[in-house]
């Protein structure tokens, strides 16, 4: 992840020049207006430029802080890819975690204390999904809510059905115990990876199972792959849990969980799916067997986040 994206900063800079300069010119040339009114243009320029630099400034301050040793120990214990990474990759992972924590907001519901462990759990999941694609972004400038247990469609404890839920423009909701369980073992079930994967599926404001990272030319191939893999799930011949057969959106989210948590098994039992996700996320999460894993080739299956 980048502290600042030139296109975003440039947009606000150009807008500030046009609007601020326009206001100043109009005020200077208008008859009957005192010359000091031209300063309104400078104020407008400063305000717009400040808006454009607010997020990069927040991120810049975050990455300048020392990374806590307790956080580093937690990542080493719970995130296998981080634990076996070299020094440069670990430093980049830690930097991404700091950026994500600077963007996101966290709140506890019904007495849940938002601990560093909960915050770090979410940030580590996002950093993992983005690790192979440094130029990608996830829409993480939103609120993450932690409930004390399962919750229902109305976000209450009545008729509890869910461990996690995400909406296109709303909060991301987690059961705090489910978050802790997600990183406690690598069993192919991680609610954080699952819900964050859905964020890649909301470019059109609804989840259709075609991740926005996918090149349009590969949509047909992806859809066919999902159909074949879903048939295996329904016949009980897949290592993906049955929930993945609910719809295409849940398939992508569950497949992402298994890809990062049980990559070796996925590559053996579902090689086509594994190769596709390897190209999509631009990394091979399998632990090396004495040799460095071969970097995945660039593919039409992936493109930069828009």
C-alpha atoms as a PDB file:
ATOM      1  CA  UNK A   1       0.000   0.000   0.000  1.00  0.00           C
ATOM      2  CA  UNK A   2       1.091   3.548  -0.640  1.00  0.00           C
ATOM      3  CA  UNK A   3       1.024   6.406   1.808  1.00  0.00           C
ATOM      4  CA  UNK A   4      -0.243   8.663  -0.979  1.00  0.00           C
ATOM      5  CA  UNK A   5      -1.581   7.937  -4.435  1.00  0.00           C
ATOM      6  CA  UNK A   6      -0.391  10.604  -6.889  1.00  0.00           C
ATOM      7  CA  UNK A   7      -3.663  10.534  -8.838  1.00  0.00           C
ATOM      8  CA  UNK A   8      -5.737  11.301  -5.740  1.00  0.00           C
ATOM      9  CA  UNK A   9      -3.453  14.039  -4.438  1.00  0.00           C
ATOM     10  CA  UNK A  10      -3.107  15.476  -7.933  1.00  0.00           C
ATOM     11  CA  UNK A  11      -6.873  15.645  -8.367  1.00  0.00           C
ATOM     12  CA  UNK A  12      -7.319  17.745  -5.228  1.00  0.00           C
ATOM     13  CA  UNK A  13      -4.318  19.910  -6.113  1.00  0.00           C
ATOM     14  CA  UNK A  14      -5.694  20.709  -9.575  1.00  0.00           C
ATOM     15  CA  UNK A  15      -9.173  21.312  -8.175  1.00  0.00           C
ATOM     16  CA  UNK A  16      -7.731  23.630  -5.531  1.00  0.00           C
ATOM     17  CA  UNK A  17      -5.833  25.642  -8.143  1.00  0.00           C
ATOM     18  CA  UNK A  18      -8.841  25.938 -10.455  1.00  0.00           C
ATOM     19  CA  UNK A  19     -11.404  26.808  -7.798  1.00  0.00           C
ATOM     20  CA  UNK A  20      -9.136  28.936  -5.625  1.00  0.00           C
ATOM     21  CA  UNK A  21      -7.651  30.762  -8.570  1.00  0.00           C
ATOM     22  CA  UNK A  22     -11.079  31.298 -10.102  1.00  0.00           C
ATOM     23  CA  UNK A  23     -12.496  32.785  -6.920  1.00  0.00           C
ATOM     24  CA  UNK A  24      -9.474  35.061  -6.518  1.00  0.00           C
ATOM     25  CA  UNK A  25      -9.637  36.235 -10.141  1.00  0.00           C
ATOM     26  CA  UNK A  26     -13.366  36.953 -10.000  1.00  0.00           C
ATOM     27  CA  UNK A  27     -12.997  38.856  -6.727  1.00  0.00           C
ATOM     28  CA  UNK A  28     -10.068  40.871  -8.094  1.00  0.00           C
ATOM     29  CA  UNK A  29     -11.813  41.826 -11.337  1.00  0.00           C
ATOM     30  CA  UNK A  30     -15.323  42.432 -10.005  1.00  0.00           C
ATOM     31  CA  UNK A  31     -16.290  46.066  -9.723  1.00  0.00           C
ATOM     32  CA  UNK A  32     -17.234  47.351  -6.328  1.00  0.00           C
ATOM     33  CA  UNK A  33     -15.618  44.555  -4.350  1.00  0.00           C
ATOM     34  CA  UNK A  34     -12.718  45.365  -2.055  1.00  0.00           C
ATOM     35  CA  UNK A  35      -9.418  43.817  -3.118  1.00  0.00           C
ATOM     36  CA  UNK A  36      -9.152  41.822   0.104  1.00  0.00           C
ATOM     37  CA  UNK A  37     -12.033  39.573  -1.030  1.00  0.00           C
ATOM     38  CA  UNK A  38      -9.537  37.880  -3.362  1.00  0.00           C
ATOM     39  CA  UNK A  39      -8.188  36.176  -0.264  1.00  0.00           C
ATOM     40  CA  UNK A  40     -11.286  33.963  -0.323  1.00  0.00           C
ATOM     41  CA  UNK A  41      -9.643  32.203  -3.251  1.00  0.00           C
ATOM     42  CA  UNK A  42      -6.591  31.462  -1.142  1.00  0.00           C
ATOM     43  CA  UNK A  43      -8.824  30.108   1.633  1.00  0.00           C
ATOM     44  CA  UNK A  44     -10.639  27.828  -0.840  1.00  0.00           C
ATOM     45  CA  UNK A  45      -7.281  26.653  -2.217  1.00  0.00           C
ATOM     46  CA  UNK A  46      -5.983  25.821   1.264  1.00  0.00           C
ATOM     47  CA  UNK A  47      -9.168  23.996   2.267  1.00  0.00           C
ATOM     48  CA  UNK A  48      -9.261  21.772  -0.823  1.00  0.00           C
ATOM     49  CA  UNK A  49      -5.559  21.015  -0.640  1.00  0.00           C
ATOM     50  CA  UNK A  50      -5.977  20.185   3.046  1.00  0.00           C
ATOM     51  CA  UNK A  51      -8.762  17.716   2.227  1.00  0.00           C
ATOM     52  CA  UNK A  52      -6.567  16.053  -0.382  1.00  0.00           C
ATOM     53  CA  UNK A  53      -3.612  15.737   1.981  1.00  0.00           C
ATOM     54  CA  UNK A  54      -5.573  14.664   5.067  1.00  0.00           C
ATOM     55  CA  UNK A  55      -5.462  10.926   4.367  1.00  0.00           C
ATOM     56  CA  UNK A  56      -1.814  10.837   3.178  1.00  0.00           C
ATOM     57  CA  UNK A  57      -0.849  12.895   6.220  1.00  0.00           C
ATOM     58  CA  UNK A  58      -2.603  10.489   8.561  1.00  0.00           C
ATOM     59  CA  UNK A  59      -0.883   7.528   6.915  1.00  0.00           C
ATOM     60  CA  UNK A  60       2.508   9.243   6.937  1.00  0.00           C
ATOM     61  CA  UNK A  61       2.275   9.887  10.668  1.00  0.00           C
ATOM     62  CA  UNK A  62       1.258   6.267  11.262  1.00  0.00           C
ATOM     63  CA  UNK A  63       4.196   4.700   9.404  1.00  0.00           C
ATOM     64  CA  UNK A  64       6.679   6.941  11.193  1.00  0.00           C
ATOM     65  CA  UNK A  65       5.745   5.433  14.547  1.00  0.00           C
ATOM     66  CA  UNK A  66       7.807   2.456  15.773  1.00  0.00           C
ATOM     67  CA  UNK A  67       6.072  -0.873  15.222  1.00  0.00           C
ATOM     68  CA  UNK A  68       5.304  -2.338  18.677  1.00  0.00           C
ATOM     69  CA  UNK A  69       7.220  -5.501  19.487  1.00  0.00           C
ATOM     70  CA  UNK A  70       4.042  -7.082  20.895  1.00  0.00           C
ATOM     71  CA  UNK A  71       2.356  -6.631  17.515  1.00  0.00           C
ATOM     72  CA  UNK A  72       5.360  -8.170  15.792  1.00  0.00           C
ATOM     73  CA  UNK A  73       5.176 -11.190  18.093  1.00  0.00           C
ATOM     74  CA  UNK A  74       1.464 -11.581  17.397  1.00  0.00           C
ATOM     75  CA  UNK A  75       1.989 -11.511  13.633  1.00  0.00           C
ATOM     76  CA  UNK A  76       4.814 -14.028  13.888  1.00  0.00           C
ATOM     77  CA  UNK A  77       2.588 -16.399  15.851  1.00  0.00           C
ATOM     78  CA  UNK A  78      -0.636 -16.073  13.856  1.00  0.00           C
ATOM     79  CA  UNK A  79       0.255 -15.184  10.246  1.00  0.00           C
ATOM     80  CA  UNK A  80       2.409 -17.909   8.617  1.00  0.00           C
ATOM     81  CA  UNK A  81       3.228 -15.832   5.544  1.00  0.00           C
ATOM     82  CA  UNK A  82       4.632 -13.077   7.758  1.00  0.00           C
ATOM     83  CA  UNK A  83       6.532 -15.544   9.949  1.00  0.00           C
ATOM     84  CA  UNK A  84       8.531 -16.984   7.033  1.00  0.00           C
ATOM     85  CA  UNK A  85       8.974 -13.725   5.093  1.00  0.00           C
ATOM     86  CA  UNK A  86      12.355 -12.057   4.737  1.00  0.00           C
ATOM     87  CA  UNK A  87      13.180  -8.824   6.519  1.00  0.00           C
ATOM     88  CA  UNK A  88      12.093  -6.547   3.665  1.00  0.00           C
ATOM     89  CA  UNK A  89       8.728  -8.267   3.219  1.00  0.00           C
ATOM     90  CA  UNK A  90       8.076  -8.209   6.954  1.00  0.00           C
ATOM     91  CA  UNK A  91       8.802  -4.495   7.055  1.00  0.00           C
ATOM     92  CA  UNK A  92       6.374  -3.905   4.182  1.00  0.00           C
ATOM     93  CA  UNK A  93       3.712  -6.038   5.883  1.00  0.00           C
ATOM     94  CA  UNK A  94       4.118  -4.054   9.114  1.00  0.00           C
ATOM     95  CA  UNK A  95       3.902  -0.785   7.187  1.00  0.00           C
ATOM     96  CA  UNK A  96       0.664  -1.922   5.555  1.00  0.00           C
ATOM     97  CA  UNK A  97      -0.745  -2.836   8.955  1.00  0.00           C
ATOM     98  CA  UNK A  98       0.022   0.661  10.234  1.00  0.00           C
ATOM     99  CA  UNK A  99      -1.621   2.267   7.191  1.00  0.00           C
ATOM    100  CA  UNK A 100      -4.735   0.122   7.553  1.00  0.00           C
ATOM    101  CA  UNK A 101      -5.042   0.939  11.247  1.00  0.00           C
ATOM    102  CA  UNK A 102      -4.732   4.636  10.392  1.00  0.00           C
ATOM    103  CA  UNK A 103      -7.625   4.422   7.904  1.00  0.00           C
ATOM    104  CA  UNK A 104     -10.074   2.184   9.769  1.00  0.00           C
ATOM    105  CA  UNK A 105     -12.291   2.947  12.754  1.00  0.00           C
ATOM    106  CA  UNK A 106     -13.105   0.359  15.395  1.00  0.00           C
ATOM    107  CA  UNK A 107     -15.989   0.240  17.868  1.00  0.00           C
ATOM    108  CA  UNK A 108     -17.179  -2.286  20.404  1.00  0.00           C
ATOM    109  CA  UNK A 109     -20.877  -3.119  20.841  1.00  0.00           C
ATOM    110  CA  UNK A 110     -22.614  -4.171  24.061  1.00  0.00           C
ATOM    111  CA  UNK A 111     -19.545  -3.790  26.216  1.00  0.00           C
ATOM    112  CA  UNK A 112     -16.938  -5.331  23.909  1.00  0.00           C
ATOM    113  CA  UNK A 113     -13.515  -3.815  24.585  1.00  0.00           C
ATOM    114  CA  UNK A 114     -11.676  -3.015  21.368  1.00  0.00           C
ATOM    115  CA  UNK A 115      -8.245  -4.407  22.157  1.00  0.00           C
ATOM    116  CA  UNK A 116      -5.058  -4.228  20.129  1.00  0.00           C
ATOM    117  CA  UNK A 117      -5.590  -7.907  19.341  1.00  0.00           C
ATOM    118  CA  UNK A 118      -8.947  -7.249  17.666  1.00  0.00           C
ATOM    119  CA  UNK A 119      -7.665  -4.254  15.731  1.00  0.00           C
ATOM    120  CA  UNK A 120      -4.528  -6.072  14.681  1.00  0.00           C
ATOM    121  CA  UNK A 121      -6.555  -9.113  13.627  1.00  0.00           C
ATOM    122  CA  UNK A 122      -8.454  -7.036  11.085  1.00  0.00           C
ATOM    123  CA  UNK A 123      -5.396  -5.135   9.880  1.00  0.00           C
ATOM    124  CA  UNK A 124      -3.389  -8.341   9.445  1.00  0.00           C
ATOM    125  CA  UNK A 125      -6.169  -9.849   7.324  1.00  0.00           C
ATOM    126  CA  UNK A 126      -6.266  -6.821   5.036  1.00  0.00           C
ATOM    127  CA  UNK A 127      -2.470  -6.687   4.775  1.00  0.00           C
ATOM    128  CA  UNK A 128      -2.420 -10.373   3.851  1.00  0.00           C
ATOM    129  CA  UNK A 129      -4.948  -9.937   1.039  1.00  0.00           C
ATOM    130  CA  UNK A 130      -2.995  -6.964  -0.325  1.00  0.00           C
ATOM    131  CA  UNK A 131       0.515  -8.304   0.179  1.00  0.00           C
ATOM    132  CA  UNK A 132       1.050  -9.552  -3.356  1.00  0.00           C
ATOM    133  CA  UNK A 133      -0.330  -6.385  -4.921  1.00  0.00           C
ATOM    134  CA  UNK A 134       1.264  -3.315  -3.316  1.00  0.00           C
ATOM    135  CA  UNK A 135      -0.713  -0.945  -5.556  1.00  0.00           C
ATOM    136  CA  UNK A 136      -4.100  -2.336  -4.561  1.00  0.00           C
ATOM    137  CA  UNK A 137      -6.366  -0.673  -2.036  1.00  0.00           C
ATOM    138  CA  UNK A 138      -9.308  -1.937  -0.027  1.00  0.00           C
ATOM    139  CA  UNK A 139     -12.066   0.496   0.985  1.00  0.00           C
ATOM    140  CA  UNK A 140     -11.106   0.375   4.646  1.00  0.00           C
ATOM    141  CA  UNK A 141     -11.978   3.937   5.664  1.00  0.00           C
ATOM    142  CA  UNK A 142     -15.100   2.617   7.372  1.00  0.00           C
ATOM    143  CA  UNK A 143     -16.165   1.433  10.814  1.00  0.00           C
ATOM    144  CA  UNK A 144     -15.518  -2.094  12.076  1.00  0.00           C
ATOM    145  CA  UNK A 145     -17.952  -3.181  14.773  1.00  0.00           C
ATOM    146  CA  UNK A 146     -17.237  -5.984  17.235  1.00  0.00           C
ATOM    147  CA  UNK A 147     -20.175  -7.818  18.820  1.00  0.00           C
ATOM    148  CA  UNK A 148     -19.844 -10.018  21.918  1.00  0.00           C
ATOM    149  CA  UNK A 149     -21.190 -13.041  20.005  1.00  0.00           C
ATOM    150  CA  UNK A 150     -23.280 -14.046  17.014  1.00  0.00           C
ATOM    151  CA  UNK A 151     -25.775 -11.548  15.637  1.00  0.00           C
ATOM    152  CA  UNK A 152     -28.761 -11.512  13.304  1.00  0.00           C
ATOM    153  CA  UNK A 153     -29.852  -9.593  10.215  1.00  0.00           C
ATOM    154  CA  UNK A 154     -30.906  -6.632  12.355  1.00  0.00           C
ATOM    155  CA  UNK A 155     -27.465  -6.495  14.026  1.00  0.00           C
ATOM    156  CA  UNK A 156     -28.847  -7.682  17.344  1.00  0.00           C
ATOM    157  CA  UNK A 157     -28.295 -10.808  19.380  1.00  0.00           C
ATOM    158  CA  UNK A 158     -31.825 -11.966  18.542  1.00  0.00           C
ATOM    159  CA  UNK A 159     -31.870 -15.045  16.302  1.00  0.00           C
ATOM    160  CA  UNK A 160     -28.088 -15.030  16.022  1.00  0.00           C
ATOM    161  CA  UNK A 161     -26.867 -16.455  12.726  1.00  0.00           C
ATOM    162  CA  UNK A 162     -23.713 -14.623  11.740  1.00  0.00           C
ATOM    163  CA  UNK A 163     -20.085 -14.306  12.772  1.00  0.00           C
ATOM    164  CA  UNK A 164     -19.446 -11.545  10.252  1.00  0.00           C
ATOM    165  CA  UNK A 165     -21.248  -9.267   7.824  1.00  0.00           C
ATOM    166  CA  UNK A 166     -20.214  -6.536   5.407  1.00  0.00           C
ATOM    167  CA  UNK A 167     -22.196  -3.973   3.425  1.00  0.00           C
ATOM    168  CA  UNK A 168     -21.090  -2.025   0.339  1.00  0.00           C
ATOM    169  CA  UNK A 169     -21.166   1.383   2.023  1.00  0.00           C
ATOM    170  CA  UNK A 170     -21.807   0.507   5.648  1.00  0.00           C
ATOM    171  CA  UNK A 171     -19.860  -0.972   8.538  1.00  0.00           C
ATOM    172  CA  UNK A 172     -18.086  -4.310   8.660  1.00  0.00           C
ATOM    173  CA  UNK A 173     -19.443  -6.337  11.568  1.00  0.00           C
ATOM    174  CA  UNK A 174     -17.678  -9.136  13.416  1.00  0.00           C
ATOM    175  CA  UNK A 175     -18.298 -11.429  16.334  1.00  0.00           C
ATOM    176  CA  UNK A 176     -15.300 -10.788  18.589  1.00  0.00           C
ATOM    177  CA  UNK A 177     -14.935 -14.472  19.589  1.00  0.00           C
ATOM    178  CA  UNK A 178     -15.046 -15.486  15.905  1.00  0.00           C
ATOM    179  CA  UNK A 179     -12.268 -13.006  15.125  1.00  0.00           C
ATOM    180  CA  UNK A 180     -10.066 -14.554  17.784  1.00  0.00           C
ATOM    181  CA  UNK A 181     -10.856 -18.075  16.569  1.00  0.00           C
ATOM    182  CA  UNK A 182     -10.013 -17.110  13.005  1.00  0.00           C
ATOM    183  CA  UNK A 183      -6.338 -16.615  13.771  1.00  0.00           C
ATOM    184  CA  UNK A 184      -6.082 -19.315  16.436  1.00  0.00           C
ATOM    185  CA  UNK A 185      -5.709 -22.153  13.908  1.00  0.00           C
ATOM    186  CA  UNK A 186      -5.185 -22.587  10.184  1.00  0.00           C
ATOM    187  CA  UNK A 187      -8.230 -24.703   9.430  1.00  0.00           C
ATOM    188  CA  UNK A 188      -9.474 -22.899   6.346  1.00  0.00           C
ATOM    189  CA  UNK A 189     -11.987 -20.837   8.299  1.00  0.00           C
ATOM    190  CA  UNK A 190     -11.191 -17.200   9.018  1.00  0.00           C
ATOM    191  CA  UNK A 191     -14.082 -14.743   9.305  1.00  0.00           C
ATOM    192  CA  UNK A 192     -11.795 -11.746   8.767  1.00  0.00           C
ATOM    193  CA  UNK A 193     -10.441 -12.987   5.436  1.00  0.00           C
ATOM    194  CA  UNK A 194     -13.978 -13.964   4.455  1.00  0.00           C
ATOM    195  CA  UNK A 195     -15.593 -10.580   5.077  1.00  0.00           C
ATOM    196  CA  UNK A 196     -12.680  -8.565   3.699  1.00  0.00           C
ATOM    197  CA  UNK A 197     -12.776 -10.670   0.515  1.00  0.00           C
ATOM    198  CA  UNK A 198     -16.367  -9.475   0.057  1.00  0.00           C
ATOM    199  CA  UNK A 199     -15.033  -5.916  -0.184  1.00  0.00           C
ATOM    200  CA  UNK A 200     -13.421  -6.911  -3.494  1.00  0.00           C
ATOM    201  CA  UNK A 201     -16.897  -7.881  -4.697  1.00  0.00           C
ATOM    202  CA  UNK A 202     -18.702  -4.582  -4.159  1.00  0.00           C
ATOM    203  CA  UNK A 203     -17.511  -2.403  -7.001  1.00  0.00           C
ATOM    204  CA  UNK A 204     -21.016  -2.364  -8.456  1.00  0.00           C
ATOM    205  CA  UNK A 205     -22.587  -1.912  -4.987  1.00  0.00           C
ATOM    206  CA  UNK A 206     -23.728  -5.512  -4.765  1.00  0.00           C
ATOM    207  CA  UNK A 207     -21.962  -8.837  -4.400  1.00  0.00           C
ATOM    208  CA  UNK A 208     -22.231 -10.939  -7.554  1.00  0.00           C
ATOM    209  CA  UNK A 209     -19.304 -13.278  -7.005  1.00  0.00           C
ATOM    210  CA  UNK A 210     -17.165 -11.621  -9.681  1.00  0.00           C
ATOM    211  CA  UNK A 211     -14.408  -9.824  -7.755  1.00  0.00           C
ATOM    212  CA  UNK A 212     -13.683  -6.321  -8.976  1.00  0.00           C
ATOM    213  CA  UNK A 213     -10.027  -7.326  -9.243  1.00  0.00           C
ATOM    214  CA  UNK A 214     -10.893  -9.556 -12.183  1.00  0.00           C
ATOM    215  CA  UNK A 215     -10.092  -8.438 -15.693  1.00  0.00           C
ATOM    216  CA  UNK A 216     -13.308  -8.194 -17.734  1.00  0.00           C
ATOM    217  CA  UNK A 217     -11.832 -10.588 -20.299  1.00  0.00           C
ATOM    218  CA  UNK A 218     -11.573 -13.290 -17.647  1.00  0.00           C
ATOM    219  CA  UNK A 219     -15.099 -13.056 -16.236  1.00  0.00           C
ATOM    220  CA  UNK A 220     -16.414 -15.902 -18.395  1.00  0.00           C
ATOM    221  CA  UNK A 221     -13.559 -18.207 -17.375  1.00  0.00           C
ATOM    222  CA  UNK A 222     -14.020 -17.326 -13.707  1.00  0.00           C
ATOM    223  CA  UNK A 223     -17.761 -17.943 -13.858  1.00  0.00           C
ATOM    224  CA  UNK A 224     -17.222 -21.349 -15.454  1.00  0.00           C
ATOM    225  CA  UNK A 225     -14.662 -22.260 -12.796  1.00  0.00           C
ATOM    226  CA  UNK A 226     -17.036 -21.256 -10.000  1.00  0.00           C
ATOM    227  CA  UNK A 227     -19.790 -23.359 -11.551  1.00  0.00           C
ATOM    228  CA  UNK A 228     -17.557 -26.459 -11.740  1.00  0.00           C
ATOM    229  CA  UNK A 229     -16.247 -26.036  -8.210  1.00  0.00           C
ATOM    230  CA  UNK A 230     -19.730 -25.401  -6.799  1.00  0.00           C
ATOM    231  CA  UNK A 231     -20.922 -28.669  -8.341  1.00  0.00           C
ATOM    232  CA  UNK A 232     -18.105 -30.481  -6.525  1.00  0.00           C
ATOM    233  CA  UNK A 233     -19.148 -28.890  -3.230  1.00  0.00           C
ATOM    234  CA  UNK A 234     -22.748 -30.011  -3.658  1.00  0.00           C
ATOM    235  CA  UNK A 235     -21.598 -33.559  -4.421  1.00  0.00           C
ATOM    236  CA  UNK A 236     -19.436 -33.592  -1.294  1.00  0.00           C
ATOM    237  CA  UNK A 237     -16.225 -33.791  -3.348  1.00  0.00           C
ATOM    238  CA  UNK A 238     -14.662 -30.480  -2.331  1.00  0.00           C
ATOM    239  CA  UNK A 239     -12.524 -29.346   0.577  1.00  0.00           C
ATOM    240  CA  UNK A 240     -14.475 -26.073   0.611  1.00  0.00           C
ATOM    241  CA  UNK A 241     -17.276 -26.099   3.160  1.00  0.00           C
ATOM    242  CA  UNK A 242     -20.863 -26.294   1.911  1.00  0.00           C
ATOM    243  CA  UNK A 243     -21.516 -22.619   2.670  1.00  0.00           C
ATOM    244  CA  UNK A 244     -19.394 -21.808  -0.401  1.00  0.00           C
ATOM    245  CA  UNK A 245     -22.176 -23.242  -2.586  1.00  0.00           C
ATOM    246  CA  UNK A 246     -24.699 -20.662  -1.299  1.00  0.00           C
ATOM    247  CA  UNK A 247     -23.905 -18.305  -4.172  1.00  0.00           C
ATOM    248  CA  UNK A 248     -20.958 -17.056  -6.198  1.00  0.00           C
ATOM    249  CA  UNK A 249     -20.126 -14.282  -3.716  1.00  0.00           C
ATOM    250  CA  UNK A 250     -19.821 -16.720  -0.817  1.00  0.00           C
ATOM    251  CA  UNK A 251     -17.797 -19.062  -2.998  1.00  0.00           C
ATOM    252  CA  UNK A 252     -15.153 -16.390  -3.592  1.00  0.00           C
ATOM    253  CA  UNK A 253     -15.014 -15.464   0.097  1.00  0.00           C
ATOM    254  CA  UNK A 254     -14.700 -19.080   1.297  1.00  0.00           C
ATOM    255  CA  UNK A 255     -12.150 -19.892  -1.410  1.00  0.00           C
ATOM    256  CA  UNK A 256     -10.072 -16.932  -0.242  1.00  0.00           C
ATOM    257  CA  UNK A 257     -10.098 -18.261   3.332  1.00  0.00           C
ATOM    258  CA  UNK A 258      -8.887 -21.691   2.217  1.00  0.00           C
ATOM    259  CA  UNK A 259      -6.327 -20.241  -0.201  1.00  0.00           C
ATOM    260  CA  UNK A 260      -4.517 -18.377   2.572  1.00  0.00           C
ATOM    261  CA  UNK A 261      -5.052 -20.867   5.383  1.00  0.00           C
ATOM    262  CA  UNK A 262      -4.651 -24.237   3.616  1.00  0.00           C
ATOM    263  CA  UNK A 263      -2.843 -23.432   0.381  1.00  0.00           C
ATOM    264  CA  UNK A 264      -0.952 -26.714  -0.007  1.00  0.00           C
ATOM    265  CA  UNK A 265      -4.097 -28.821   0.294  1.00  0.00           C
ATOM    266  CA  UNK A 266      -6.001 -26.504  -2.059  1.00  0.00           C
ATOM    267  CA  UNK A 267      -3.268 -26.743  -4.696  1.00  0.00           C
ATOM    268  CA  UNK A 268      -3.415 -30.543  -4.574  1.00  0.00           C
ATOM    269  CA  UNK A 269      -7.177 -31.014  -4.560  1.00  0.00           C
ATOM    270  CA  UNK A 270      -8.294 -27.999  -6.612  1.00  0.00           C
ATOM    271  CA  UNK A 271      -5.305 -27.009  -8.797  1.00  0.00           C
ATOM    272  CA  UNK A 272      -7.285 -24.833 -11.232  1.00  0.00           C
ATOM    273  CA  UNK A 273      -8.845 -22.822  -8.418  1.00  0.00           C
ATOM    274  CA  UNK A 274      -5.501 -22.496  -6.656  1.00  0.00           C
ATOM    275  CA  UNK A 275      -3.742 -21.270  -9.810  1.00  0.00           C
ATOM    276  CA  UNK A 276      -6.476 -18.727 -10.440  1.00  0.00           C
ATOM    277  CA  UNK A 277      -6.286 -17.312  -6.907  1.00  0.00           C
ATOM    278  CA  UNK A 278      -2.488 -17.307  -7.099  1.00  0.00           C
ATOM    279  CA  UNK A 279      -2.703 -15.106 -10.179  1.00  0.00           C
ATOM    280  CA  UNK A 280      -5.413 -12.955  -8.632  1.00  0.00           C
ATOM    281  CA  UNK A 281      -3.578 -12.249  -5.373  1.00  0.00           C
ATOM    282  CA  UNK A 282      -0.123 -12.379  -7.033  1.00  0.00           C
ATOM    283  CA  UNK A 283       1.451 -14.627  -4.435  1.00  0.00           C
ATOM    284  CA  UNK A 284       1.869 -18.288  -3.567  1.00  0.00           C
ATOM    285  CA  UNK A 285       1.094 -18.746   0.141  1.00  0.00           C
ATOM    286  CA  UNK A 286       2.281 -22.368   0.283  1.00  0.00           C
ATOM    287  CA  UNK A 287       5.164 -22.973   2.717  1.00  0.00           C
ATOM    288  CA  UNK A 288       8.294 -23.772   0.687  1.00  0.00           C
ATOM    289  CA  UNK A 289       9.655 -27.323   0.877  1.00  0.00           C
ATOM    290  CA  UNK A 290      13.292 -26.368   1.032  1.00  0.00           C
ATOM    291  CA  UNK A 291      12.978 -24.158  -2.048  1.00  0.00           C
ATOM    292  CA  UNK A 292      11.646 -20.706  -2.647  1.00  0.00           C
ATOM    293  CA  UNK A 293       8.191 -20.697  -4.197  1.00  0.00           C
ATOM    294  CA  UNK A 294       8.105 -19.535  -7.820  1.00  0.00           C
ATOM    295  CA  UNK A 295       6.534 -16.071  -8.118  1.00  0.00           C
ATOM    296  CA  UNK A 296       3.245 -16.204 -10.004  1.00  0.00           C
ATOM    297  CA  UNK A 297       3.171 -14.829 -13.523  1.00  0.00           C
ATOM    298  CA  UNK A 298       1.108 -11.785 -14.400  1.00  0.00           C
ATOM    299  CA  UNK A 299      -2.332 -12.757 -15.623  1.00  0.00           C
ATOM    300  CA  UNK A 300      -5.478 -11.291 -17.070  1.00  0.00           C
ATOM    301  CA  UNK A 301      -7.195 -12.717 -14.028  1.00  0.00           C
ATOM    302  CA  UNK A 302      -6.101  -9.701 -12.008  1.00  0.00           C
ATOM    303  CA  UNK A 303      -5.931  -5.960 -12.395  1.00  0.00           C
ATOM    304  CA  UNK A 304      -5.372  -2.973 -10.168  1.00  0.00           C
ATOM    305  CA  UNK A 305      -8.099  -1.863  -7.803  1.00  0.00           C
ATOM    306  CA  UNK A 306     -10.071   1.004  -9.422  1.00  0.00           C
END
